[in-house]
C-alpha cells in the first residue's frame, strides 16, 4: 500500500445503516491515496461488521474499548 496522501477520520456510533454508504463514497473518489480511520464509539449494532465487510486495507477499524466515551471511559 502506498503512503496515504489524505487521512479521513470517520467517528461513528450505532450507524450500521449509514456507514457503508459513507465509506462507499470514499471508494469512488478519483484520488486513491487515502486512509479512512473509522472510530467506532462502542456501537451496539452491526457497525463493526459493515466496516469489516468492505475489506479495504485503506479503511482500518481500530479497536476501541467496550465503553463509550473518550478512551473507552464511561
PDB file of N, CA and C in Angstrom:
ATOM      1  N   UNK A   1       0.848  -1.174   0.000  1.00  0.00           N
ATOM      2  CA  UNK A   1       0.000   0.000   0.000  1.00  0.00           C
ATOM      3  C   UNK A   1       0.898   1.244   0.000  1.00  0.00           C
ATOM      4  N   UNK A   2       0.552   2.205  -0.818  1.00  0.00           N
ATOM      5  CA  UNK A   2       1.320   3.445  -0.877  1.00  0.00           C
ATOM      6  C   UNK A   2       0.969   4.326   0.327  1.00  0.00           C
ATOM      7  N   UNK A   3       1.849   5.269   0.604  1.00  0.00           N
ATOM      8  CA  UNK A   3       1.616   6.183   1.714  1.00  0.00           C
ATOM      9  C   UNK A   3       0.394   7.054   1.412  1.00  0.00           C
ATOM     10  N   UNK A   4      -0.535   7.172   2.383  1.00  0.00           N
ATOM     11  CA  UNK A   4      -1.735   7.979   2.137  1.00  0.00           C
ATOM     12  C   UNK A   4      -1.408   9.454   1.933  1.00  0.00           C
ATOM     13  N   UNK A   5      -2.096  10.071   0.998  1.00  0.00           N
ATOM     14  CA  UNK A   5      -1.992  11.500   0.774  1.00  0.00           C
ATOM     15  C   UNK A   5      -2.958  12.236   1.705  1.00  0.00           C
ATOM     16  N   UNK A   6      -4.087  11.589   1.990  1.00  0.00           N
ATOM     17  CA  UNK A   6      -5.150  12.191   2.788  1.00  0.00           C
ATOM     18  C   UNK A   6      -5.593  11.190   3.847  1.00  0.00           C
ATOM     19  N   UNK A   7      -5.834  11.684   5.054  1.00  0.00           N
ATOM     20  CA  UNK A   7      -6.409  10.870   6.126  1.00  0.00           C
ATOM     21  C   UNK A   7      -7.779  11.424   6.472  1.00  0.00           C
ATOM     22  N   UNK A   8      -8.741  10.547   6.535  1.00  0.00           N
ATOM     23  CA  UNK A   8     -10.112  10.930   6.868  1.00  0.00           C
ATOM     24  C   UNK A   8     -10.487  10.211   8.156  1.00  0.00           C
ATOM     25  N   UNK A   9     -10.982  10.945   9.134  1.00  0.00           N
ATOM     26  CA  UNK A   9     -11.434  10.343  10.381  1.00  0.00           C
ATOM     27  C   UNK A   9     -12.958  10.316  10.353  1.00  0.00           C
ATOM     28  N   UNK A  10     -13.520   9.131  10.556  1.00  0.00           N
ATOM     29  CA  UNK A  10     -14.973   8.956  10.496  1.00  0.00           C
ATOM     30  C   UNK A  10     -15.448   8.462  11.867  1.00  0.00           C
ATOM     31  N   UNK A  11     -15.908   9.378  12.722  1.00  0.00           N
ATOM     32  CA  UNK A  11     -16.452   8.931  14.003  1.00  0.00           C
ATOM     33  C   UNK A  11     -17.842   8.344  13.801  1.00  0.00           C
ATOM     34  N   UNK A  12     -18.162   7.308  14.559  1.00  0.00           N
ATOM     35  CA  UNK A  12     -19.470   6.682  14.400  1.00  0.00           C
ATOM     36  C   UNK A  12     -19.939   6.057  15.704  1.00  0.00           C
ATOM     37  N   UNK A  13     -21.243   5.981  15.837  1.00  0.00           N
ATOM     38  CA  UNK A  13     -21.869   5.301  16.968  1.00  0.00           C
ATOM     39  C   UNK A  13     -23.246   4.811  16.508  1.00  0.00           C
ATOM     40  N   UNK A  14     -23.417   3.515  16.466  1.00  0.00           N
ATOM     41  CA  UNK A  14     -24.680   2.881  16.068  1.00  0.00           C
ATOM     42  C   UNK A  14     -25.200   3.408  14.723  1.00  0.00           C
ATOM     43  N   UNK A  15     -24.348   3.381  13.723  1.00  0.00           N
ATOM     44  CA  UNK A  15     -24.739   3.863  12.397  1.00  0.00           C
ATOM     45  C   UNK A  15     -24.504   2.802  11.324  1.00  0.00           C
ATOM     46  N   UNK A  16     -24.802   1.560  11.640  1.00  0.00           N
ATOM     47  CA  UNK A  16     -24.606   0.473  10.675  1.00  0.00           C
ATOM     48  C   UNK A  16     -25.370   0.733   9.379  1.00  0.00           C
ATOM     49  N   UNK A  17     -26.520   1.336   9.473  1.00  0.00           N
ATOM     50  CA  UNK A  17     -27.333   1.567   8.269  1.00  0.00           C
ATOM     51  C   UNK A  17     -26.781   2.688   7.390  1.00  0.00           C
ATOM     52  N   UNK A  18     -25.866   3.514   7.926  1.00  0.00           N
ATOM     53  CA  UNK A  18     -25.329   4.640   7.169  1.00  0.00           C
ATOM     54  C   UNK A  18     -23.843   4.530   6.831  1.00  0.00           C
ATOM     55  N   UNK A  19     -23.073   3.830   7.641  1.00  0.00           N
ATOM     56  CA  UNK A  19     -21.623   3.837   7.492  1.00  0.00           C
ATOM     57  C   UNK A  19     -21.166   3.232   6.166  1.00  0.00           C
ATOM     58  N   UNK A  20     -21.836   2.221   5.683  1.00  0.00           N
ATOM     59  CA  UNK A  20     -21.468   1.613   4.398  1.00  0.00           C
ATOM     60  C   UNK A  20     -21.582   2.602   3.256  1.00  0.00           C
ATOM     61  N   UNK A  21     -22.637   3.361   3.261  1.00  0.00           N
ATOM     62  CA  UNK A  21     -22.837   4.375   2.216  1.00  0.00           C
ATOM     63  C   UNK A  21     -21.765   5.463   2.292  1.00  0.00           C
ATOM     64  N   UNK A  22     -21.438   5.879   3.505  1.00  0.00           N
ATOM     65  CA  UNK A  22     -20.402   6.904   3.689  1.00  0.00           C
ATOM     66  C   UNK A  22     -19.055   6.426   3.168  1.00  0.00           C
ATOM     67  N   UNK A  23     -18.682   5.204   3.520  1.00  0.00           N
ATOM     68  CA  UNK A  23     -17.389   4.674   3.094  1.00  0.00           C
ATOM     69  C   UNK A  23     -17.383   4.350   1.599  1.00  0.00           C
ATOM     70  N   UNK A  24     -18.507   3.938   1.055  1.00  0.00           N
ATOM     71  CA  UNK A  24     -18.588   3.679  -0.384  1.00  0.00           C
ATOM     72  C   UNK A  24     -18.307   4.952  -1.175  1.00  0.00           C
ATOM     73  N   UNK A  25     -18.718   6.096  -0.640  1.00  0.00           N
ATOM     74  CA  UNK A  25     -18.459   7.356  -1.337  1.00  0.00           C
ATOM     75  C   UNK A  25     -16.964   7.655  -1.394  1.00  0.00           C
ATOM     76  N   UNK A  26     -16.217   7.224  -0.388  1.00  0.00           N
ATOM     77  CA  UNK A  26     -14.766   7.398  -0.420  1.00  0.00           C
ATOM     78  C   UNK A  26     -14.121   6.508  -1.484  1.00  0.00           C
ATOM     79  N   UNK A  27     -14.638   5.307  -1.619  1.00  0.00           N
ATOM     80  CA  UNK A  27     -14.041   4.341  -2.539  1.00  0.00           C
ATOM     81  C   UNK A  27     -14.191   4.722  -4.006  1.00  0.00           C
ATOM     82  N   UNK A  28     -15.114   5.607  -4.330  1.00  0.00           N
ATOM     83  CA  UNK A  28     -15.300   6.014  -5.734  1.00  0.00           C
ATOM     84  C   UNK A  28     -14.613   7.336  -6.063  1.00  0.00           C
ATOM     85  N   UNK A  29     -13.877   7.886  -5.109  1.00  0.00           N
ATOM     86  CA  UNK A  29     -13.160   9.134  -5.376  1.00  0.00           C
ATOM     87  C   UNK A  29     -12.016   8.887  -6.353  1.00  0.00           C
ATOM     88  N   UNK A  30     -11.606   9.909  -7.056  1.00  0.00           N
ATOM     89  CA  UNK A  30     -10.540   9.763  -8.055  1.00  0.00           C
ATOM     90  C   UNK A  30      -9.161   9.667  -7.424  1.00  0.00           C
ATOM     91  N   UNK A  31      -8.995  10.123  -6.200  1.00  0.00           N
ATOM     92  CA  UNK A  31      -7.704  10.029  -5.508  1.00  0.00           C
ATOM     93  C   UNK A  31      -7.677   8.756  -4.657  1.00  0.00           C
ATOM     94  N   UNK A  32      -6.886   7.769  -5.057  1.00  0.00           N
ATOM     95  CA  UNK A  32      -6.874   6.502  -4.322  1.00  0.00           C
ATOM     96  C   UNK A  32      -5.960   6.494  -3.095  1.00  0.00           C
ATOM     97  N   UNK A  33      -5.138   7.519  -2.925  1.00  0.00           N
ATOM     98  CA  UNK A  33      -4.164   7.524  -1.820  1.00  0.00           C
ATOM     99  C   UNK A  33      -4.769   8.153  -0.570  1.00  0.00           C
ATOM    100  N   UNK A  34      -5.654   7.416   0.069  1.00  0.00           N
ATOM    101  CA  UNK A  34      -6.276   7.885   1.296  1.00  0.00           C
ATOM    102  C   UNK A  34      -6.306   6.763   2.321  1.00  0.00           C
ATOM    103  N   UNK A  35      -6.516   7.148   3.556  1.00  0.00           N
ATOM    104  CA  UNK A  35      -6.862   6.203   4.605  1.00  0.00           C
ATOM    105  C   UNK A  35      -8.071   6.779   5.318  1.00  0.00           C
ATOM    106  N   UNK A  36      -9.004   5.938   5.652  1.00  0.00           N
ATOM    107  CA  UNK A  36     -10.198   6.372   6.376  1.00  0.00           C
ATOM    108  C   UNK A  36     -10.206   5.634   7.706  1.00  0.00           C
ATOM    109  N   UNK A  37      -9.952   6.353   8.776  1.00  0.00           N
ATOM    110  CA  UNK A  37      -9.902   5.760  10.101  1.00  0.00           C
ATOM    111  C   UNK A  37     -11.285   5.848  10.728  1.00  0.00           C
ATOM    112  N   UNK A  38     -11.950   4.719  10.800  1.00  0.00           N
ATOM    113  CA  UNK A  38     -13.285   4.676  11.384  1.00  0.00           C
ATOM    114  C   UNK A  38     -13.122   4.491  12.890  1.00  0.00           C
ATOM    115  N   UNK A  39     -13.647   5.437  13.655  1.00  0.00           N
ATOM    116  CA  UNK A  39     -13.570   5.384  15.109  1.00  0.00           C
ATOM    117  C   UNK A  39     -14.973   5.087  15.624  1.00  0.00           C
ATOM    118  N   UNK A  40     -15.172   3.845  16.016  1.00  0.00           N
ATOM    119  CA  UNK A  40     -16.482   3.386  16.488  1.00  0.00           C
ATOM    120  C   UNK A  40     -16.529   3.508  18.007  1.00  0.00           C
ATOM    121  N   UNK A  41     -17.437   4.316  18.513  1.00  0.00           N
ATOM    122  CA  UNK A  41     -17.552   4.572  19.954  1.00  0.00           C
ATOM    123  C   UNK A  41     -18.427   3.525  20.638  1.00  0.00           C
ATOM    124  N   UNK A  42     -17.991   2.263  20.564  1.00  0.00           N
ATOM    125  CA  UNK A  42     -18.658   1.140  21.245  1.00  0.00           C
ATOM    126  C   UNK A  42     -20.110   0.954  20.798  1.00  0.00           C
ATOM    127  N   UNK A  43     -20.320   0.932  19.492  1.00  0.00           N
ATOM    128  CA  UNK A  43     -21.666   0.720  18.952  1.00  0.00           C
ATOM    129  C   UNK A  43     -22.235  -0.620  19.401  1.00  0.00           C
ATOM    130  N   UNK A  44     -23.559  -0.670  19.485  1.00  0.00           N
ATOM    131  CA  UNK A  44     -24.254  -1.901  19.861  1.00  0.00           C
ATOM    132  C   UNK A  44     -24.962  -2.529  18.671  1.00  0.00           C
ATOM    133  N   UNK A  45     -24.792  -1.961  17.491  1.00  0.00           N
ATOM    134  CA  UNK A  45     -25.410  -2.517  16.287  1.00  0.00           C
ATOM    135  C   UNK A  45     -24.332  -3.194  15.444  1.00  0.00           C
ATOM    136  N   UNK A  46     -24.560  -3.344  14.155  1.00  0.00           N
ATOM    137  CA  UNK A  46     -23.625  -4.051  13.267  1.00  0.00           C
ATOM    138  C   UNK A  46     -22.626  -3.129  12.576  1.00  0.00           C
ATOM    139  N   UNK A  47     -22.330  -1.977  13.160  1.00  0.00           N
ATOM    140  CA  UNK A  47     -21.393  -1.032  12.540  1.00  0.00           C
ATOM    141  C   UNK A  47     -20.056  -1.703  12.243  1.00  0.00           C
ATOM    142  N   UNK A  48     -19.492  -2.401  13.204  1.00  0.00           N
ATOM    143  CA  UNK A  48     -18.196  -3.044  13.012  1.00  0.00           C
ATOM    144  C   UNK A  48     -18.242  -4.052  11.868  1.00  0.00           C
ATOM    145  N   UNK A  49     -19.267  -4.867  11.808  1.00  0.00           N
ATOM    146  CA  UNK A  49     -19.392  -5.873  10.756  1.00  0.00           C
ATOM    147  C   UNK A  49     -19.495  -5.231   9.375  1.00  0.00           C
ATOM    148  N   UNK A  50     -20.218  -4.126   9.275  1.00  0.00           N
ATOM    149  CA  UNK A  50     -20.374  -3.433   7.997  1.00  0.00           C
ATOM    150  C   UNK A  50     -19.025  -2.901   7.519  1.00  0.00           C
ATOM    151  N   UNK A  51     -18.264  -2.282   8.423  1.00  0.00           N
ATOM    152  CA  UNK A  51     -16.960  -1.731   8.053  1.00  0.00           C
ATOM    153  C   UNK A  51     -16.004  -2.852   7.656  1.00  0.00           C
ATOM    154  N   UNK A  52     -15.963  -3.912   8.440  1.00  0.00           N
ATOM    155  CA  UNK A  52     -15.048  -5.020   8.131  1.00  0.00           C
ATOM    156  C   UNK A  52     -15.417  -5.712   6.820  1.00  0.00           C
ATOM    157  N   UNK A  53     -16.686  -5.760   6.490  1.00  0.00           N
ATOM    158  CA  UNK A  53     -17.135  -6.408   5.249  1.00  0.00           C
ATOM    159  C   UNK A  53     -16.640  -5.681   4.004  1.00  0.00           C
ATOM    160  N   UNK A  54     -16.333  -4.412   4.128  1.00  0.00           N
ATOM    161  CA  UNK A  54     -15.813  -3.659   2.984  1.00  0.00           C
ATOM    162  C   UNK A  54     -14.475  -4.243   2.553  1.00  0.00           C
ATOM    163  N   UNK A  55     -13.665  -4.650   3.525  1.00  0.00           N
ATOM    164  CA  UNK A  55     -12.435  -5.365   3.233  1.00  0.00           C
ATOM    165  C   UNK A  55     -11.354  -4.576   2.513  1.00  0.00           C
ATOM    166  N   UNK A  56     -11.348  -3.274   2.659  1.00  0.00           N
ATOM    167  CA  UNK A  56     -10.333  -2.450   2.000  1.00  0.00           C
ATOM    168  C   UNK A  56      -9.278  -2.070   3.040  1.00  0.00           C
ATOM    169  N   UNK A  57      -7.994  -2.346   2.772  1.00  0.00           N
ATOM    170  CA  UNK A  57      -6.962  -2.043   3.758  1.00  0.00           C
ATOM    171  C   UNK A  57      -6.799  -0.549   4.050  1.00  0.00           C
ATOM    172  N   UNK A  58      -7.369   0.299   3.207  1.00  0.00           N
ATOM    173  CA  UNK A  58      -7.302   1.742   3.452  1.00  0.00           C
ATOM    174  C   UNK A  58      -8.331   2.186   4.484  1.00  0.00           C
ATOM    175  N   UNK A  59      -9.187   1.250   4.914  1.00  0.00           N
ATOM    176  CA  UNK A  59     -10.236   1.576   5.876  1.00  0.00           C
ATOM    177  C   UNK A  59     -10.080   0.664   7.094  1.00  0.00           C
ATOM    178  N   UNK A  60      -9.069   0.952   7.944  1.00  0.00           N
ATOM    179  CA  UNK A  60      -8.911   0.141   9.150  1.00  0.00           C
ATOM    180  C   UNK A  60      -9.949   0.519  10.202  1.00  0.00           C
ATOM    181  N   UNK A  61     -10.195  -0.402  11.091  1.00  0.00           N
ATOM    182  CA  UNK A  61     -11.129  -0.157  12.185  1.00  0.00           C
ATOM    183  C   UNK A  61     -10.368  -0.400  13.487  1.00  0.00           C
ATOM    184  N   UNK A  62      -9.776   0.659  14.057  1.00  0.00           N
ATOM    185  CA  UNK A  62      -9.003   0.475  15.294  1.00  0.00           C
ATOM    186  C   UNK A  62      -9.888  -0.062  16.411  1.00  0.00           C
ATOM    187  N   UNK A  63      -9.309  -0.892  17.246  1.00  0.00           N
ATOM    188  CA  UNK A  63     -10.051  -1.445  18.379  1.00  0.00           C
ATOM    189  C   UNK A  63     -10.259  -0.358  19.423  1.00  0.00           C
ATOM    190  N   UNK A  64     -11.494  -0.229  19.890  1.00  0.00           N
ATOM    191  CA  UNK A  64     -11.820   0.709  20.954  1.00  0.00           C
ATOM    192  C   UNK A  64     -12.335  -0.091  22.142  1.00  0.00           C
ATOM    193  N   UNK A  65     -12.362   0.541  23.294  1.00  0.00           N
ATOM    194  CA  UNK A  65     -12.859  -0.128  24.489  1.00  0.00           C
ATOM    195  C   UNK A  65     -14.351  -0.421  24.404  1.00  0.00           C
ATOM    196  N   UNK A  66     -14.838  -1.272  25.292  1.00  0.00           N
ATOM    197  CA  UNK A  66     -16.257  -1.649  25.268  1.00  0.00           C
ATOM    198  C   UNK A  66     -17.192  -0.566  25.783  1.00  0.00           C
ATOM    199  N   UNK A  67     -16.661   0.455  26.420  1.00  0.00           N
ATOM    200  CA  UNK A  67     -17.483   1.530  26.963  1.00  0.00           C
ATOM    201  C   UNK A  67     -17.395   2.756  26.064  1.00  0.00           C
ATOM    202  N   UNK A  68     -18.511   3.434  25.803  1.00  0.00           N
ATOM    203  CA  UNK A  68     -18.474   4.648  25.002  1.00  0.00           C
ATOM    204  C   UNK A  68     -17.772   5.785  25.733  1.00  0.00           C
ATOM    205  N   UNK A  69     -17.324   6.758  24.978  1.00  0.00           N
ATOM    206  CA  UNK A  69     -16.715   7.935  25.571  1.00  0.00           C
ATOM    207  C   UNK A  69     -15.242   8.034  25.264  1.00  0.00           C
ATOM    208  N   UNK A  70     -14.581   9.094  25.725  1.00  0.00           N
ATOM    209  CA  UNK A  70     -13.168   9.306  25.448  1.00  0.00           C
ATOM    210  C   UNK A  70     -12.309   8.159  25.988  1.00  0.00           C
ATOM    211  N   UNK A  71     -11.549   7.541  25.126  1.00  0.00           N
ATOM    212  CA  UNK A  71     -10.648   6.475  25.544  1.00  0.00           C
ATOM    213  C   UNK A  71     -11.356   5.246  26.084  1.00  0.00           C
ATOM    214  N   UNK A  72     -12.638   5.089  25.761  1.00  0.00           N
ATOM    215  CA  UNK A  72     -13.398   3.949  26.267  1.00  0.00           C
ATOM    216  C   UNK A  72     -13.775   4.092  27.724  1.00  0.00           C
ATOM    217  N   UNK A  73     -13.646   5.314  28.261  1.00  0.00           N
ATOM    218  CA  UNK A  73     -14.002   5.531  29.661  1.00  0.00           C
ATOM    219  C   UNK A  73     -15.465   5.923  29.780  1.00  0.00           C
ATOM    220  N   UNK A  74     -16.143   5.438  30.821  1.00  0.00           N
ATOM    221  CA  UNK A  74     -17.559   5.791  30.988  1.00  0.00           C
ATOM    222  C   UNK A  74     -17.744   7.264  31.302  1.00  0.00           C
TER     223      UNK A  74
END
